[in-house]
Structures are given as C-alpha cells and as structure tokens.
C-alpha cells in the first residue's frame, strides 16, 4: 500500500508508432528510468508529473477483504485491471472437490480504444500467467 495510485507513466523514450521496438540504448534507458521510478514510488517520492500519462492501471482491493469490484478508468487511460482478495475456494478437480486459491479479476476498458475481443484475449493471457507463472520465464 506504500505505492502511490495510478499506473506506470509513459517514459517518452520511444517514438510514436514503433510498436514497442527498441534498440539496445533505448532498452537500457527505459530499464534505468523504470527502476528509478519504482524506487521513488515505493518511497512515496514521485513528482506529480511522473504519475501522469499512464495508459493502464493495476488496482488491488484484496487487502481490504474485497472479493470483486468494478474499477473505473481515469481518463485518458485505456484500461484498468482490478484484483480482488485471494481466497481458498472448493473446486472440482479430477473427479473430486479440492481447495484452490482463487482471485477475481475485473478488466474495465475504454471501448472507444479497444474492442471486446482483444480485451478478452488480454484478460485470458493474464489468467494464464497467474495460473502458470513459469510461462513468464519462457
């Protein structure tokens, strides 16, 4: 909870329309910028300008015992992913009931910017990576 609200600011190192392609110098600059920003955010020392211009926010109310909620977008952001409480639930596994940790995820997005199909595929990928975090190393 020590982090300020909002998303990761746009770093401004990439020219518009590059599709995320970076040369090695841009990667180093981006990594160092993000590292410094993360350190300042954890200490609560970010300047207001550093918290502007984000396109996506990840918000969590699970620490308050909230299972599910509908997060609202802070314009001009594209989307926000709400994360609820992680809770052991009974599920059917291999013909029997077993306890599994479950979490509610709620994606709110600006339909003017993203259609439902790509938003659903994004959320499916998030679920896949939460369920199988070893895929992040692939």
Protein backbone atom coordinates (compact mmCIF):
# COMPACT_ATOMS: atom_id res chain seq x y z
CA UNK A 1 0.00 0.00 0.00
CA UNK A 2 3.03 2.30 0.06
CA UNK A 3 2.86 2.88 -3.68
CA UNK A 4 1.02 5.93 -4.98
CA UNK A 5 -2.15 5.36 -7.03
CA UNK A 6 -2.00 5.33 -10.81
CA UNK A 7 -0.20 3.42 -13.50
CA UNK A 8 3.31 3.30 -14.85
CA UNK A 9 3.89 6.61 -16.61
CA UNK A 10 4.75 6.76 -20.28
CA UNK A 11 8.51 7.02 -20.38
CA UNK A 12 8.67 9.01 -23.57
CA UNK A 13 11.81 7.28 -24.85
CA UNK A 14 10.11 5.54 -27.76
CA UNK A 15 8.96 7.36 -30.87
CA UNK A 16 5.22 7.05 -31.51
CA UNK A 17 4.33 4.11 -33.73
CA UNK A 18 7.40 1.95 -33.01
CA UNK A 19 5.14 -0.80 -31.70
CA UNK A 20 7.42 -1.29 -28.70
CA UNK A 21 10.52 -1.98 -30.78
CA UNK A 22 13.61 -0.58 -29.05
CA UNK A 23 17.29 -0.58 -29.79
CA UNK A 24 19.70 -1.60 -27.02
CA UNK A 25 20.34 2.00 -25.90
CA UNK A 26 16.59 2.65 -25.57
CA UNK A 27 16.19 -0.58 -23.56
CA UNK A 28 18.90 0.46 -21.10
CA UNK A 29 17.44 3.96 -20.72
CA UNK A 30 13.94 2.53 -20.25
CA UNK A 31 15.11 -0.03 -17.68
CA UNK A 32 17.02 2.58 -15.67
CA UNK A 33 14.12 5.03 -15.84
CA UNK A 34 11.64 2.41 -14.64
CA UNK A 35 13.98 1.29 -11.85
CA UNK A 36 14.38 4.84 -10.58
CA UNK A 37 10.66 5.48 -10.89
CA UNK A 38 9.80 2.29 -8.99
CA UNK A 39 12.24 3.20 -6.20
CA UNK A 40 10.75 6.70 -5.87
CA UNK A 41 7.19 5.31 -5.98
CA UNK A 42 7.87 2.85 -3.15
CA UNK A 43 9.28 5.71 -1.06
CA UNK A 44 6.33 7.97 -1.93
CA UNK A 45 8.70 10.46 -3.59
CA UNK A 46 7.30 10.67 -7.14
CA UNK A 47 6.65 14.08 -8.60
CA UNK A 48 3.10 14.62 -9.85
CA UNK A 49 4.34 14.83 -13.46
CA UNK A 50 5.84 11.33 -13.10
CA UNK A 51 2.39 9.92 -12.36
CA UNK A 52 0.69 11.43 -15.41
CA UNK A 53 0.29 9.94 -18.85
CA UNK A 54 -0.23 6.29 -17.95
CA UNK A 55 -2.29 4.09 -20.25
CA UNK A 56 -3.06 1.23 -17.84
CA UNK A 57 -3.59 0.84 -14.10
CA UNK A 58 -3.47 -2.22 -11.88
CA UNK A 59 -5.52 -1.74 -8.71
CA UNK A 60 -5.97 -4.06 -5.74
CA UNK A 61 -8.66 -4.04 -3.06
CA UNK A 62 -7.95 -7.58 -1.88
CA UNK A 63 -6.13 -6.36 1.22
CA UNK A 64 -9.45 -4.91 2.38
CA UNK A 65 -11.23 -8.27 2.04
CA UNK A 66 -12.97 -7.25 -1.19
CA UNK A 67 -13.55 -10.22 -3.49
CA UNK A 68 -14.73 -8.42 -6.63
CA UNK A 69 -15.33 -4.84 -7.72
CA UNK A 70 -15.63 -2.76 -10.87
CA UNK A 71 -12.71 -0.33 -11.17
CA UNK A 72 -13.24 2.93 -13.05
CA UNK A 73 -10.88 4.25 -15.70
CA UNK A 74 -9.07 7.52 -15.04
CA UNK A 75 -9.10 9.22 -18.42
CA UNK A 76 -7.14 9.28 -20.68
CA UNK A 77 -6.15 5.73 -19.68
CA UNK A 78 -7.15 2.82 -21.88
CA UNK A 79 -7.90 0.23 -19.19
CA UNK A 80 -7.71 -0.75 -15.54
CA UNK A 81 -7.41 -4.24 -14.05
CA UNK A 82 -8.99 -4.75 -10.64
CA UNK A 83 -7.64 -7.53 -8.41
CA UNK A 84 -9.69 -8.87 -5.52
CA UNK A 85 -8.83 -10.96 -2.48
CA UNK A 86 -7.08 -14.31 -2.95
CA UNK A 87 -9.26 -16.87 -1.23
CA UNK A 88 -9.32 -20.67 -0.98
CA UNK A 89 -12.44 -21.99 -2.72
CA UNK A 90 -13.78 -25.51 -3.29
CA UNK A 91 -13.36 -26.58 -6.95
CA UNK A 92 -13.90 -29.81 -8.86
CA UNK A 93 -10.51 -31.38 -9.75
CA UNK A 94 -10.09 -34.87 -11.24
CA UNK A 95 -13.47 -36.08 -10.06
CA UNK A 96 -13.29 -34.73 -6.52
CA UNK A 97 -13.60 -31.48 -4.58
CA UNK A 98 -10.34 -29.78 -3.67
CA UNK A 99 -9.38 -26.40 -2.22
CA UNK A 100 -7.71 -23.99 -4.64
CA UNK A 101 -6.67 -20.37 -4.29
CA UNK A 102 -8.89 -18.18 -6.44
CA UNK A 103 -8.89 -14.47 -7.24
CA UNK A 104 -11.39 -12.25 -9.02
CA UNK A 105 -10.01 -10.11 -11.84
CA UNK A 106 -12.06 -7.35 -13.42
CA UNK A 107 -10.94 -5.55 -16.57
CA UNK A 108 -12.56 -2.22 -17.36
CA UNK A 109 -11.55 -0.71 -20.70
CA UNK A 110 -12.45 2.19 -22.94
CA UNK A 111 -14.43 0.62 -25.78
CA UNK A 112 -13.57 3.59 -27.99
CA UNK A 113 -9.93 2.41 -27.90
CA UNK A 114 -10.17 -1.38 -27.50
CA UNK A 115 -12.77 -3.83 -28.78
CA UNK A 116 -14.11 -6.58 -26.54
CA UNK A 117 -12.22 -9.37 -28.35
CA UNK A 118 -8.67 -8.07 -27.77
CA UNK A 119 -9.59 -7.06 -24.21
CA UNK A 120 -10.88 -10.58 -23.51
CA UNK A 121 -7.72 -12.13 -25.01
CA UNK A 122 -5.59 -9.87 -22.80
CA UNK A 123 -7.51 -10.98 -19.72
CA UNK A 124 -7.22 -14.64 -20.79
CA UNK A 125 -3.44 -14.18 -21.04
CA UNK A 126 -3.30 -12.57 -17.58
CA UNK A 127 -5.25 -15.54 -16.17
CA UNK A 128 -2.91 -17.98 -17.93
CA UNK A 129 0.16 -16.28 -16.44
CA UNK A 130 -1.36 -16.10 -12.95
CA UNK A 131 -2.20 -19.81 -13.11
CA UNK A 132 1.15 -20.80 -14.64
CA UNK A 133 3.75 -18.17 -13.68
CA UNK A 134 6.59 -20.32 -15.05
CA UNK A 135 5.41 -19.19 -18.52
CA UNK A 136 6.83 -15.75 -17.71
CA UNK A 137 10.30 -17.30 -17.87
CA UNK A 138 9.74 -18.81 -21.34
